[in-house]
């Protein structure tokens, strides 16, 4: 009887932990304000696709603000978008 009780309690604990992870909201960092590291500080990057694009696969493109600092969001090479006519 103790063995069955132990199995049921263990299963309940594992299922509750699994359920907590399954229902955890995943936040997409791309919807947060994006920053670029310019060697000394983090500066506002602008709007993706309008002010900049992240090209390629290597490198660190943009960061977003998290508690206590900044975390990498997008990889690639940060490339500012320049419109014809300077606008």
C-alpha atoms as a PDB file:
ATOM      1  CA  UNK A   1       0.000   0.000   0.000  1.00  0.00           C
ATOM      2  CA  UNK A   2       2.829   2.410   0.788  1.00  0.00           C
ATOM      3  CA  UNK A   3       4.403   1.701  -2.572  1.00  0.00           C
ATOM      4  CA  UNK A   4       1.203   2.573  -4.454  1.00  0.00           C
ATOM      5  CA  UNK A   5       0.805   5.750  -2.413  1.00  0.00           C
ATOM      6  CA  UNK A   6       4.402   6.733  -3.209  1.00  0.00           C
ATOM      7  CA  UNK A   7       3.845   6.142  -6.929  1.00  0.00           C
ATOM      8  CA  UNK A   8       0.634   8.197  -6.948  1.00  0.00           C
ATOM      9  CA  UNK A   9       2.208  11.075  -4.990  1.00  0.00           C
ATOM     10  CA  UNK A  10       5.293  11.089  -7.237  1.00  0.00           C
ATOM     11  CA  UNK A  11       3.101  11.123 -10.337  1.00  0.00           C
ATOM     12  CA  UNK A  12       1.036  14.002  -8.977  1.00  0.00           C
ATOM     13  CA  UNK A  13       4.133  16.047  -8.233  1.00  0.00           C
ATOM     14  CA  UNK A  14       5.652  15.406 -11.658  1.00  0.00           C
ATOM     15  CA  UNK A  15       2.378  16.222 -13.413  1.00  0.00           C
ATOM     16  CA  UNK A  16       2.014  19.497 -11.500  1.00  0.00           C
ATOM     17  CA  UNK A  17       5.565  20.548 -12.359  1.00  0.00           C
ATOM     18  CA  UNK A  18       5.028  19.619 -16.009  1.00  0.00           C
ATOM     19  CA  UNK A  19       1.756  21.526 -16.079  1.00  0.00           C
ATOM     20  CA  UNK A  20       3.420  24.606 -14.656  1.00  0.00           C
ATOM     21  CA  UNK A  21       6.010  24.577 -17.429  1.00  0.00           C
ATOM     22  CA  UNK A  22       3.439  23.848 -20.115  1.00  0.00           C
ATOM     23  CA  UNK A  23       1.228  26.780 -19.159  1.00  0.00           C
ATOM     24  CA  UNK A  24       4.068  29.253 -18.626  1.00  0.00           C
ATOM     25  CA  UNK A  25       3.662  32.190 -21.013  1.00  0.00           C
ATOM     26  CA  UNK A  26       6.616  32.439 -23.337  1.00  0.00           C
ATOM     27  CA  UNK A  27       7.491  36.037 -24.046  1.00  0.00           C
ATOM     28  CA  UNK A  28       8.847  36.811 -27.476  1.00  0.00           C
ATOM     29  CA  UNK A  29      11.672  39.291 -27.031  1.00  0.00           C
ATOM     30  CA  UNK A  30      11.107  40.718 -30.517  1.00  0.00           C
ATOM     31  CA  UNK A  31       8.060  42.599 -29.210  1.00  0.00           C
ATOM     32  CA  UNK A  32      10.130  44.324 -26.508  1.00  0.00           C
ATOM     33  CA  UNK A  33      12.051  47.552 -27.106  1.00  0.00           C
ATOM     34  CA  UNK A  34      15.260  46.670 -28.947  1.00  0.00           C
ATOM     35  CA  UNK A  35      18.701  48.041 -28.130  1.00  0.00           C
ATOM     36  CA  UNK A  36      22.094  47.856 -29.835  1.00  0.00           C
ATOM     37  CA  UNK A  37      25.387  47.653 -27.975  1.00  0.00           C
ATOM     38  CA  UNK A  38      27.708  50.335 -29.379  1.00  0.00           C
ATOM     39  CA  UNK A  39      30.846  49.365 -27.491  1.00  0.00           C
ATOM     40  CA  UNK A  40      30.094  51.160 -24.230  1.00  0.00           C
ATOM     41  CA  UNK A  41      26.360  51.495 -23.765  1.00  0.00           C
ATOM     42  CA  UNK A  42      23.095  50.162 -25.099  1.00  0.00           C
ATOM     43  CA  UNK A  43      21.218  52.556 -27.394  1.00  0.00           C
ATOM     44  CA  UNK A  44      17.711  52.385 -28.823  1.00  0.00           C
ATOM     45  CA  UNK A  45      17.767  50.388 -32.081  1.00  0.00           C
ATOM     46  CA  UNK A  46      14.471  51.515 -33.560  1.00  0.00           C
ATOM     47  CA  UNK A  47      11.772  49.469 -35.250  1.00  0.00           C
ATOM     48  CA  UNK A  48      12.779  46.200 -36.911  1.00  0.00           C
ATOM     49  CA  UNK A  49      12.382  46.303 -40.684  1.00  0.00           C
ATOM     50  CA  UNK A  50      11.988  50.079 -40.665  1.00  0.00           C
ATOM     51  CA  UNK A  51      15.055  51.426 -38.857  1.00  0.00           C
ATOM     52  CA  UNK A  52      17.225  48.307 -38.988  1.00  0.00           C
ATOM     53  CA  UNK A  53      17.480  44.692 -40.068  1.00  0.00           C
ATOM     54  CA  UNK A  54      19.517  41.834 -38.605  1.00  0.00           C
ATOM     55  CA  UNK A  55      21.341  40.221 -41.528  1.00  0.00           C
ATOM     56  CA  UNK A  56      23.035  36.842 -41.487  1.00  0.00           C
ATOM     57  CA  UNK A  57      23.326  34.227 -38.782  1.00  0.00           C
ATOM     58  CA  UNK A  58      26.416  35.165 -36.791  1.00  0.00           C
ATOM     59  CA  UNK A  59      26.974  37.934 -34.284  1.00  0.00           C
ATOM     60  CA  UNK A  60      24.828  39.757 -31.780  1.00  0.00           C
ATOM     61  CA  UNK A  61      22.294  42.068 -33.373  1.00  0.00           C
ATOM     62  CA  UNK A  62      19.844  43.409 -30.789  1.00  0.00           C
ATOM     63  CA  UNK A  63      19.243  43.163 -27.071  1.00  0.00           C
ATOM     64  CA  UNK A  64      16.236  43.742 -24.846  1.00  0.00           C
ATOM     65  CA  UNK A  65      16.020  44.960 -21.281  1.00  0.00           C
ATOM     66  CA  UNK A  66      15.582  42.421 -18.494  1.00  0.00           C
ATOM     67  CA  UNK A  67      15.764  42.791 -14.737  1.00  0.00           C
ATOM     68  CA  UNK A  68      19.312  43.821 -13.932  1.00  0.00           C
ATOM     69  CA  UNK A  69      20.593  44.416 -17.461  1.00  0.00           C
ATOM     70  CA  UNK A  70      20.233  43.417 -21.085  1.00  0.00           C
ATOM     71  CA  UNK A  71      19.854  40.038 -22.795  1.00  0.00           C
ATOM     72  CA  UNK A  72      20.507  38.999 -26.384  1.00  0.00           C
ATOM     73  CA  UNK A  73      17.370  38.869 -28.508  1.00  0.00           C
ATOM     74  CA  UNK A  74      18.275  38.638 -32.198  1.00  0.00           C
ATOM     75  CA  UNK A  75      21.410  37.348 -33.849  1.00  0.00           C
ATOM     76  CA  UNK A  76      22.970  38.609 -37.056  1.00  0.00           C
ATOM     77  CA  UNK A  77      24.656  41.796 -38.116  1.00  0.00           C
ATOM     78  CA  UNK A  78      22.891  45.041 -37.189  1.00  0.00           C
ATOM     79  CA  UNK A  79      22.314  46.949 -40.435  1.00  0.00           C
ATOM     80  CA  UNK A  80      20.618  50.370 -40.392  1.00  0.00           C
ATOM     81  CA  UNK A  81      18.019  50.905 -43.110  1.00  0.00           C
ATOM     82  CA  UNK A  82      18.727  53.973 -45.237  1.00  0.00           C
ATOM     83  CA  UNK A  83      15.903  55.248 -47.399  1.00  0.00           C
ATOM     84  CA  UNK A  84      16.569  57.016 -50.698  1.00  0.00           C
ATOM     85  CA  UNK A  85      16.374  60.755 -50.316  1.00  0.00           C
ATOM     86  CA  UNK A  86      17.622  60.696 -46.708  1.00  0.00           C
ATOM     87  CA  UNK A  87      14.230  60.103 -45.097  1.00  0.00           C
END
